[in-house]
Amino acid sequence: MDRRLREDGLTTQQAALGSTHQNVAQIVAALVRKDLLEILPDPADKRRKLLAATSTGAAYWQRRDESDFAAVADWFGDLSPRELETFCALANKVLKRLDEHSE
């Protein structure tokens, strides 16, 4: 599968996610710059990073109502559980790379 997708410059993970590694990195970086997310080390696995809402991010979500939450859930509605796992795996790779650059 990767071989066929590679002709278009995609991997299976990128195709499943519908986004490239670089796009995910840019989204994470933008949310960090806006003080909505922070990147934390994973105490269980030093190779991984975790995303956590900042107090600003938490306050933002506390001001949301049910229709807002439904809209966000809808953004991910077309992803299967496996695709969501792929998304998380790709986000973790991005975080690892960001961490390497910050050292």
Protein backbone atom coordinates (compact mmCIF):
# COMPACT_ATOMS: atom_id res chain seq x y z
CA MET A 1 0.00 0.00 0.00
CA ASP A 2 2.75 2.46 0.93
CA ARG A 3 4.47 1.77 -2.38
CA ARG A 4 1.35 2.71 -4.35
CA LEU A 5 0.68 5.80 -2.26
CA ARG A 6 4.33 6.86 -2.38
CA GLU A 7 3.88 7.63 -6.08
CA ASP A 8 1.62 10.46 -4.90
CA GLY A 9 4.01 11.37 -2.10
CA LEU A 10 1.85 9.85 0.67
CA THR A 11 2.25 7.14 3.27
CA THR A 12 -0.62 4.99 4.53
CA GLN A 13 -0.65 6.99 7.76
CA GLN A 14 -0.87 10.26 5.86
CA ALA A 15 -3.61 8.93 3.60
CA ALA A 16 -5.59 7.59 6.58
CA LEU A 17 -5.21 10.86 8.44
CA GLY A 18 -5.87 12.97 5.38
CA SER A 19 -2.93 15.15 6.33
CA THR A 20 0.84 15.15 6.15
CA HIS A 21 3.31 15.07 9.01
CA GLN A 22 4.14 18.71 8.28
CA ASN A 23 0.49 19.79 8.46
CA VAL A 24 0.04 18.12 11.83
CA ALA A 25 3.25 19.77 13.06
CA GLN A 26 2.00 23.16 11.93
CA ILE A 27 -1.35 22.70 13.67
CA VAL A 28 0.31 21.66 16.93
CA ALA A 29 2.81 24.53 16.71
CA ALA A 30 0.03 27.06 16.07
CA LEU A 31 -1.97 25.83 19.08
CA VAL A 32 1.15 26.05 21.25
CA ARG A 33 1.87 29.60 20.00
CA LYS A 34 -1.71 30.60 20.83
CA ASP A 35 -1.20 29.18 24.34
CA LEU A 36 -4.01 26.66 23.86
CA LEU A 37 -1.81 23.56 24.13
CA GLU A 38 1.41 22.63 25.83
CA ILE A 39 3.77 19.78 25.02
CA LEU A 40 4.74 17.60 27.97
CA PRO A 41 7.08 14.63 28.33
CA ASP A 42 5.37 11.28 28.72
CA PRO A 43 6.53 9.91 32.09
CA ALA A 44 5.83 6.36 30.91
CA ASP A 45 7.80 6.65 27.66
CA LYS A 46 10.60 9.20 27.28
CA ARG A 47 10.37 8.93 23.49
CA ARG A 48 6.83 10.29 23.45
CA LYS A 49 5.29 13.66 24.17
CA LEU A 50 1.81 14.43 25.41
CA LEU A 51 -0.46 17.30 24.48
CA ALA A 52 -2.30 19.06 27.29
CA ALA A 53 -4.62 22.03 27.34
CA THR A 54 -3.14 25.13 28.95
CA SER A 55 -5.22 27.17 31.39
CA THR A 56 -6.05 29.43 28.43
CA GLY A 57 -7.09 26.43 26.36
CA ALA A 58 -9.13 24.96 29.21
CA ALA A 59 -10.88 28.30 29.76
CA TYR A 60 -11.68 28.48 26.07
CA TRP A 61 -13.34 25.06 26.13
CA GLN A 62 -15.21 25.81 29.36
CA ARG A 63 -16.92 28.70 27.56
CA ARG A 64 -18.19 26.38 24.82
CA ASP A 65 -21.69 24.90 24.73
CA GLU A 66 -22.98 21.51 23.54
CA SER A 67 -23.29 22.62 19.92
CA ASP A 68 -19.61 23.59 19.94
CA PHE A 69 -18.62 20.17 21.29
CA ALA A 70 -20.82 18.50 18.68
CA ALA A 71 -19.09 20.50 15.94
CA VAL A 72 -15.63 19.43 17.14
CA ALA A 73 -16.73 15.80 17.38
CA ASP A 74 -18.03 16.12 13.84
CA TRP A 75 -14.58 17.18 12.60
CA PHE A 76 -13.32 13.72 13.54
CA GLY A 77 -16.56 11.94 12.67
CA ASP A 78 -15.29 10.42 9.45
CA LEU A 79 -12.28 8.87 11.16
CA SER A 80 -12.46 5.28 12.30
CA PRO A 81 -10.97 4.30 15.67
CA ARG A 82 -7.91 3.06 13.78
CA GLU A 83 -7.57 6.37 11.93
CA LEU A 84 -7.82 8.23 15.23
CA GLU A 85 -5.01 6.03 16.55
CA THR A 86 -3.00 6.90 13.45
CA PHE A 87 -3.68 10.59 14.05
CA CYS A 88 -2.42 10.26 17.62
CA ALA A 89 0.66 8.34 16.48
CA LEU A 90 1.48 11.02 13.92
CA ALA A 91 0.92 13.80 16.45
CA ASN A 92 3.31 12.02 18.82
CA LYS A 93 5.95 11.83 16.08
CA VAL A 94 5.57 15.54 15.47
CA LEU A 95 5.91 16.27 19.17
CA LYS A 96 9.05 14.14 19.37
CA ARG A 97 10.55 16.05 16.47
CA LEU A 98 9.60 19.41 18.02
CA ASP A 99 11.21 18.32 21.26
CA GLU A 100 14.42 17.35 19.47
CA HIS A 101 14.59 20.81 17.91
CA SER A 102 14.01 22.57 21.22
CA GLU A 103 16.97 20.88 22.93
